[in-house]
PDB file of N, CA and C in Angstrom:
ATOM      1  N   MET A   1    -119.285 -97.276 -44.329  1.00  0.00           N
ATOM      2  CA  MET A   1    -118.466 -96.408 -45.162  1.00  0.00           C
ATOM      3  C   MET A   1    -119.025 -94.981 -45.062  1.00  0.00           C
ATOM      4  N   ASN A   2    -118.161 -94.034 -44.908  1.00  0.00           N
ATOM      5  CA  ASN A   2    -118.558 -92.633 -44.841  1.00  0.00           C
ATOM      6  C   ASN A   2    -118.811 -92.126 -46.261  1.00  0.00           C
ATOM      7  N   ASN A   3    -119.912 -91.461 -46.469  1.00  0.00           N
ATOM      8  CA  ASN A   3    -120.284 -90.978 -47.792  1.00  0.00           C
ATOM      9  C   ASN A   3    -120.105 -89.466 -47.893  1.00  0.00           C
ATOM     10  N   ASP A   4    -119.061 -88.931 -47.286  1.00  0.00           N
ATOM     11  CA  ASP A   4    -118.762 -87.500 -47.285  1.00  0.00           C
ATOM     12  C   ASP A   4    -118.063 -87.138 -48.595  1.00  0.00           C
ATOM     13  N   HIS A   5    -118.650 -86.233 -49.387  1.00  0.00           N
ATOM     14  CA  HIS A   5    -118.105 -85.856 -50.688  1.00  0.00           C
ATOM     15  C   HIS A   5    -117.604 -84.419 -50.678  1.00  0.00           C
ATOM     16  N   HIS A   6    -116.472 -84.189 -51.380  1.00  0.00           N
ATOM     17  CA  HIS A   6    -115.898 -82.853 -51.549  1.00  0.00           C
ATOM     18  C   HIS A   6    -115.322 -82.758 -52.951  1.00  0.00           C
ATOM     19  N   LEU A   7    -115.113 -81.544 -53.420  1.00  0.00           N
ATOM     20  CA  LEU A   7    -114.509 -81.336 -54.735  1.00  0.00           C
ATOM     21  C   LEU A   7    -113.097 -81.922 -54.786  1.00  0.00           C
ATOM     22  N   ALA A   8    -112.379 -81.812 -53.689  1.00  0.00           N
ATOM     23  CA  ALA A   8    -111.015 -82.344 -53.613  1.00  0.00           C
ATOM     24  C   ALA A   8    -110.704 -82.686 -52.155  1.00  0.00           C
ATOM     25  N   TRP A   9    -109.726 -83.516 -51.964  1.00  0.00           N
ATOM     26  CA  TRP A   9    -109.225 -83.861 -50.632  1.00  0.00           C
ATOM     27  C   TRP A   9    -107.754 -83.474 -50.562  1.00  0.00           C
ATOM     28  N   GLY A  10    -107.362 -82.791 -49.510  1.00  0.00           N
ATOM     29  CA  GLY A  10    -105.964 -82.413 -49.303  1.00  0.00           C
ATOM     30  C   GLY A  10    -105.356 -83.317 -48.239  1.00  0.00           C
ATOM     31  N   PHE A  11    -104.124 -83.708 -48.447  1.00  0.00           N
ATOM     32  CA  PHE A  11    -103.428 -84.585 -47.511  1.00  0.00           C
ATOM     33  C   PHE A  11    -102.157 -83.906 -47.010  1.00  0.00           C
ATOM     34  N   SER A  12    -101.818 -84.170 -45.791  1.00  0.00           N
ATOM     35  CA  SER A  12    -100.550 -83.740 -45.221  1.00  0.00           C
ATOM     36  C   SER A  12    -100.046 -84.890 -44.360  1.00  0.00           C
ATOM     37  N   PHE A  13     -99.018 -85.555 -44.837  1.00  0.00           N
ATOM     38  CA  PHE A  13     -98.492 -86.686 -44.090  1.00  0.00           C
ATOM     39  C   PHE A  13     -96.997 -86.811 -44.322  1.00  0.00           C
ATOM     40  N   ALA A  14     -96.364 -87.552 -43.469  1.00  0.00           N
ATOM     41  CA  ALA A  14     -94.926 -87.810 -43.605  1.00  0.00           C
ATOM     42  C   ALA A  14     -94.704 -89.311 -43.695  1.00  0.00           C
ATOM     43  N   LEU A  15     -93.712 -89.714 -44.437  1.00  0.00           N
ATOM     44  CA  LEU A  15     -93.286 -91.104 -44.530  1.00  0.00           C
ATOM     45  C   LEU A  15     -92.018 -91.233 -43.694  1.00  0.00           C
ATOM     46  N   GLU A  16     -92.080 -92.048 -42.660  1.00  0.00           N
ATOM     47  CA  GLU A  16     -90.921 -92.275 -41.798  1.00  0.00           C
ATOM     48  C   GLU A  16     -90.619 -93.759 -41.737  1.00  0.00           C
ATOM     49  N   SER A  17     -89.376 -94.103 -41.426  1.00  0.00           N
ATOM     50  CA  SER A  17     -88.978 -95.507 -41.386  1.00  0.00           C
ATOM     51  C   SER A  17     -89.529 -96.236 -40.172  1.00  0.00           C
ATOM     52  N   GLY A  18     -89.803 -95.537 -39.099  1.00  0.00           N
ATOM     53  CA  GLY A  18     -90.306 -96.188 -37.894  1.00  0.00           C
ATOM     54  C   GLY A  18     -89.216 -96.688 -36.968  1.00  0.00           C
ATOM     55  N   ASP A  19     -87.997 -96.813 -37.469  1.00  0.00           N
ATOM     56  CA  ASP A  19     -86.904 -97.277 -36.622  1.00  0.00           C
ATOM     57  C   ASP A  19     -85.722 -96.296 -36.611  1.00  0.00           C
ATOM     58  N   GLY A  20     -85.956 -95.081 -37.089  1.00  0.00           N
ATOM     59  CA  GLY A  20     -84.920 -94.058 -37.051  1.00  0.00           C
ATOM     60  C   GLY A  20     -83.985 -94.030 -38.241  1.00  0.00           C
ATOM     61  N   ARG A  21     -84.120 -95.005 -39.147  1.00  0.00           N
ATOM     62  CA  ARG A  21     -83.268 -95.010 -40.341  1.00  0.00           C
ATOM     63  C   ARG A  21     -83.672 -93.886 -41.279  1.00  0.00           C
ATOM     64  N   GLN A  22     -82.728 -93.368 -42.033  1.00  0.00           N
ATOM     65  CA  GLN A  22     -83.054 -92.384 -43.055  1.00  0.00           C
ATOM     66  C   GLN A  22     -83.629 -93.106 -44.264  1.00  0.00           C
ATOM     67  N   LEU A  23     -84.563 -92.451 -44.936  1.00  0.00           N
ATOM     68  CA  LEU A  23     -85.173 -93.001 -46.143  1.00  0.00           C
ATOM     69  C   LEU A  23     -84.580 -92.324 -47.369  1.00  0.00           C
ATOM     70  N   SER A  24     -84.395 -93.093 -48.423  1.00  0.00           N
ATOM     71  CA  SER A  24     -83.811 -92.554 -49.654  1.00  0.00           C
ATOM     72  C   SER A  24     -84.850 -91.810 -50.479  1.00  0.00           C
ATOM     73  N   ARG A  25     -84.377 -90.965 -51.366  1.00  0.00           N
ATOM     74  CA  ARG A  25     -85.246 -90.278 -52.316  1.00  0.00           C
ATOM     75  C   ARG A  25     -85.971 -91.299 -53.176  1.00  0.00           C
ATOM     76  N   ASP A  26     -85.308 -92.413 -53.503  1.00  0.00           N
ATOM     77  CA  ASP A  26     -85.947 -93.463 -54.298  1.00  0.00           C
ATOM     78  C   ASP A  26     -87.189 -94.013 -53.602  1.00  0.00           C
ATOM     79  N   THR A  27     -87.161 -94.113 -52.288  1.00  0.00           N
ATOM     80  CA  THR A  27     -88.312 -94.597 -51.533  1.00  0.00           C
ATOM     81  C   THR A  27     -89.480 -93.623 -51.668  1.00  0.00           C
ATOM     82  N   ALA A  28     -89.201 -92.333 -51.530  1.00  0.00           N
ATOM     83  CA  ALA A  28     -90.240 -91.314 -51.688  1.00  0.00           C
ATOM     84  C   ALA A  28     -90.773 -91.310 -53.120  1.00  0.00           C
ATOM     85  N   ASP A  29     -89.884 -91.442 -54.089  1.00  0.00           N
ATOM     86  CA  ASP A  29     -90.297 -91.489 -55.491  1.00  0.00           C
ATOM     87  C   ASP A  29     -91.228 -92.672 -55.742  1.00  0.00           C
ATOM     88  N   GLU A  30     -90.890 -93.819 -55.160  1.00  0.00           N
ATOM     89  CA  GLU A  30     -91.703 -95.024 -55.338  1.00  0.00           C
ATOM     90  C   GLU A  30     -93.120 -94.820 -54.797  1.00  0.00           C
ATOM     91  N   LEU A  31     -93.233 -94.245 -53.598  1.00  0.00           N
ATOM     92  CA  LEU A  31     -94.552 -93.994 -53.026  1.00  0.00           C
ATOM     93  C   LEU A  31     -95.340 -93.026 -53.898  1.00  0.00           C
ATOM     94  N   PHE A  32     -94.709 -91.954 -54.341  1.00  0.00           N
ATOM     95  CA  PHE A  32     -95.396 -90.969 -55.165  1.00  0.00           C
ATOM     96  C   PHE A  32     -95.871 -91.583 -56.481  1.00  0.00           C
ATOM     97  N   ASP A  33     -95.042 -92.448 -57.087  1.00  0.00           N
ATOM     98  CA  ASP A  33     -95.436 -93.133 -58.320  1.00  0.00           C
ATOM     99  C   ASP A  33     -96.666 -94.006 -58.099  1.00  0.00           C
ATOM    100  N   VAL A  34     -96.726 -94.690 -56.952  1.00  0.00           N
ATOM    101  CA  VAL A  34     -97.879 -95.536 -56.631  1.00  0.00           C
ATOM    102  C   VAL A  34     -99.132 -94.681 -56.459  1.00  0.00           C
ATOM    103  N   ILE A  35     -98.997 -93.554 -55.764  1.00  0.00           N
ATOM    104  CA  ILE A  35    -100.142 -92.658 -55.559  1.00  0.00           C
ATOM    105  C   ILE A  35    -100.650 -92.125 -56.897  1.00  0.00           C
ATOM    106  N   ILE A  36     -99.748 -91.708 -57.775  1.00  0.00           N
ATOM    107  CA  ILE A  36    -100.136 -91.192 -59.089  1.00  0.00           C
ATOM    108  C   ILE A  36    -100.847 -92.277 -59.897  1.00  0.00           C
ATOM    109  N   ALA A  37    -100.274 -93.480 -59.926  1.00  0.00           N
ATOM    110  CA  ALA A  37    -100.880 -94.579 -60.689  1.00  0.00           C
ATOM    111  C   ALA A  37    -102.268 -94.911 -60.148  1.00  0.00           C
ATOM    112  N   TRP A  38    -102.420 -94.924 -58.823  1.00  0.00           N
ATOM    113  CA  TRP A  38    -103.717 -95.210 -58.202  1.00  0.00           C
ATOM    114  C   TRP A  38    -104.746 -94.168 -58.631  1.00  0.00           C
ATOM    115  N   ALA A  39    -104.375 -92.888 -58.565  1.00  0.00           N
ATOM    116  CA  ALA A  39    -105.297 -91.806 -58.917  1.00  0.00           C
ATOM    117  C   ALA A  39    -105.672 -91.865 -60.400  1.00  0.00           C
ATOM    118  N   GLU A  40    -104.686 -92.014 -61.257  1.00  0.00           N
ATOM    119  CA  GLU A  40    -104.949 -92.014 -62.694  1.00  0.00           C
ATOM    120  C   GLU A  40    -105.775 -93.222 -63.121  1.00  0.00           C
ATOM    121  N   ALA A  41    -105.587 -94.373 -62.473  1.00  0.00           N
ATOM    122  CA  ALA A  41    -106.354 -95.580 -62.794  1.00  0.00           C
ATOM    123  C   ALA A  41    -107.839 -95.391 -62.498  1.00  0.00           C
ATOM    124  N   ARG A  42    -108.153 -94.441 -61.627  1.00  0.00           N
ATOM    125  CA  ARG A  42    -109.539 -94.165 -61.252  1.00  0.00           C
ATOM    126  C   ARG A  42    -110.077 -92.896 -61.923  1.00  0.00           C
ATOM    127  N   GLY A  43    -109.298 -92.325 -62.844  1.00  0.00           N
ATOM    128  CA  GLY A  43    -109.732 -91.138 -63.563  1.00  0.00           C
ATOM    129  C   GLY A  43    -109.616 -89.856 -62.756  1.00  0.00           C
ATOM    130  N   HIS A  44    -108.810 -89.881 -61.692  1.00  0.00           N
ATOM    131  CA  HIS A  44    -108.616 -88.695 -60.858  1.00  0.00           C
ATOM    132  C   HIS A  44    -107.328 -87.979 -61.256  1.00  0.00           C
ATOM    133  N   GLN A  45    -107.223 -86.728 -60.843  1.00  0.00           N
ATOM    134  CA  GLN A  45    -106.000 -85.956 -61.038  1.00  0.00           C
ATOM    135  C   GLN A  45    -105.349 -85.743 -59.682  1.00  0.00           C
ATOM    136  N   ILE A  46    -104.048 -85.660 -59.674  1.00  0.00           N
ATOM    137  CA  ILE A  46    -103.328 -85.408 -58.430  1.00  0.00           C
ATOM    138  C   ILE A  46    -102.279 -84.340 -58.688  1.00  0.00           C
ATOM    139  N   GLY A  47    -102.106 -83.457 -57.741  1.00  0.00           N
ATOM    140  CA  GLY A  47    -101.095 -82.413 -57.849  1.00  0.00           C
ATOM    141  C   GLY A  47    -100.383 -82.254 -56.528  1.00  0.00           C
ATOM    142  N   GLY A  48     -99.207 -81.758 -56.570  1.00  0.00           N
ATOM    143  CA  GLY A  48     -98.450 -81.555 -55.343  1.00  0.00           C
ATOM    144  C   GLY A  48     -97.054 -82.120 -55.481  1.00  0.00           C
ATOM    145  N   GLY A  49     -96.430 -82.326 -54.383  1.00  0.00           N
ATOM    146  CA  GLY A  49     -95.077 -82.849 -54.392  1.00  0.00           C
ATOM    147  C   GLY A  49     -94.644 -83.203 -52.992  1.00  0.00           C
ATOM    148  N   TYR A  50     -93.366 -83.348 -52.816  1.00  0.00           N
ATOM    149  CA  TYR A  50     -92.817 -83.726 -51.522  1.00  0.00           C
ATOM    150  C   TYR A  50     -91.396 -83.206 -51.411  1.00  0.00           C
ATOM    151  N   ARG A  51     -90.900 -83.232 -50.189  1.00  0.00           N
ATOM    152  CA  ARG A  51     -89.539 -82.765 -49.922  1.00  0.00           C
ATOM    153  C   ARG A  51     -88.995 -83.543 -48.733  1.00  0.00           C
ATOM    154  N   GLY A  52     -87.709 -83.525 -48.588  1.00  0.00           N
ATOM    155  CA  GLY A  52     -87.085 -84.144 -47.424  1.00  0.00           C
ATOM    156  C   GLY A  52     -87.313 -83.293 -46.186  1.00  0.00           C
ATOM    157  N   VAL A  53     -87.459 -83.938 -45.051  1.00  0.00           N
ATOM    158  CA  VAL A  53     -87.653 -83.248 -43.776  1.00  0.00           C
ATOM    159  C   VAL A  53     -86.612 -83.780 -42.807  1.00  0.00           C
ATOM    160  N   ASP A  54     -85.854 -82.894 -42.218  1.00  0.00           N
ATOM    161  CA  ASP A  54     -84.865 -83.280 -41.219  1.00  0.00           C
ATOM    162  C   ASP A  54     -85.170 -82.553 -39.924  1.00  0.00           C
ATOM    163  N   ASN A  55     -85.205 -83.300 -38.836  1.00  0.00           N
ATOM    164  CA  ASN A  55     -85.414 -82.711 -37.509  1.00  0.00           C
ATOM    165  C   ASN A  55     -84.076 -82.407 -36.867  1.00  0.00           C
ATOM    166  N   ASP A  56     -84.043 -81.375 -36.010  1.00  0.00           N
ATOM    167  CA  ASP A  56     -82.833 -81.102 -35.236  1.00  0.00           C
ATOM    168  C   ASP A  56     -82.553 -82.248 -34.278  1.00  0.00           C
ATOM    169  N   ALA A  57     -83.601 -82.761 -33.662  1.00  0.00           N
ATOM    170  CA  ALA A  57     -83.465 -83.896 -32.745  1.00  0.00           C
ATOM    171  C   ALA A  57     -83.870 -85.151 -33.507  1.00  0.00           C
ATOM    172  N   SER A  58     -82.906 -85.978 -33.862  1.00  0.00           N
ATOM    173  CA  SER A  58     -83.180 -87.122 -34.727  1.00  0.00           C
ATOM    174  C   SER A  58     -84.095 -88.153 -34.075  1.00  0.00           C
ATOM    175  N   THR A  59     -84.307 -88.069 -32.776  1.00  0.00           N
ATOM    176  CA  THR A  59     -85.162 -89.047 -32.113  1.00  0.00           C
ATOM    177  C   THR A  59     -86.632 -88.635 -32.132  1.00  0.00           C
ATOM    178  N   GLU A  60     -86.939 -87.412 -32.554  1.00  0.00           N
ATOM    179  CA  GLU A  60     -88.323 -86.957 -32.594  1.00  0.00           C
ATOM    180  C   GLU A  60     -88.984 -87.369 -33.901  1.00  0.00           C
ATOM    181  N   ASP A  61     -90.240 -87.819 -33.808  1.00  0.00           N
ATOM    182  CA  ASP A  61     -91.006 -88.126 -35.007  1.00  0.00           C
ATOM    183  C   ASP A  61     -91.418 -86.828 -35.688  1.00  0.00           C
ATOM    184  N   VAL A  62     -91.506 -86.840 -37.024  1.00  0.00           N
ATOM    185  CA  VAL A  62     -91.970 -85.673 -37.753  1.00  0.00           C
ATOM    186  C   VAL A  62     -93.402 -85.361 -37.328  1.00  0.00           C
ATOM    187  N   PHE A  63     -94.248 -86.374 -37.326  1.00  0.00           N
ATOM    188  CA  PHE A  63     -95.629 -86.266 -36.834  1.00  0.00           C
ATOM    189  C   PHE A  63     -95.817 -87.366 -35.811  1.00  0.00           C
ATOM    190  N   PRO A  64     -95.637 -87.073 -34.541  1.00  0.00           N
ATOM    191  CA  PRO A  64     -95.792 -88.125 -33.521  1.00  0.00           C
ATOM    192  C   PRO A  64     -97.167 -88.774 -33.615  1.00  0.00           C
ATOM    193  N   LEU A  65     -97.206 -90.085 -33.525  1.00  0.00           N
ATOM    194  CA  LEU A  65     -98.457 -90.820 -33.603  1.00  0.00           C
ATOM    195  C   LEU A  65     -99.142 -90.833 -32.252  1.00  0.00           C
ATOM    196  N   ARG A  66    -100.459 -90.691 -32.280  1.00  0.00           N
ATOM    197  CA  ARG A  66    -101.241 -90.782 -31.055  1.00  0.00           C
ATOM    198  C   ARG A  66    -101.683 -92.222 -30.866  1.00  0.00           C
ATOM    199  N   GLU A  67    -101.643 -92.677 -29.660  1.00  0.00           N
ATOM    200  CA  GLU A  67    -102.214 -93.988 -29.371  1.00  0.00           C
ATOM    201  C   GLU A  67    -103.695 -93.807 -29.137  1.00  0.00           C
ATOM    202  N   GLU A  68    -104.502 -94.584 -29.849  1.00  0.00           N
ATOM    203  CA  GLU A  68    -105.967 -94.444 -29.720  1.00  0.00           C
ATOM    204  C   GLU A  68    -106.549 -95.665 -29.074  1.00  0.00           C
TER     205      GLU A  68
END
């Protein structure tokens, strides 16, 4: 386990369906609710938000995954 400590951690990620389907706002809301509950259960605070992202080319990933 890495024992790297910081005052805060910033995240930048996208939630995609993986098969090209559009995701509903309810899906994003559900994930955000889980993240908030996880943080609060551990006595942490979380701030930020999310928005919909649409690409001009629907076949492109928002954040293409690298094969490692």
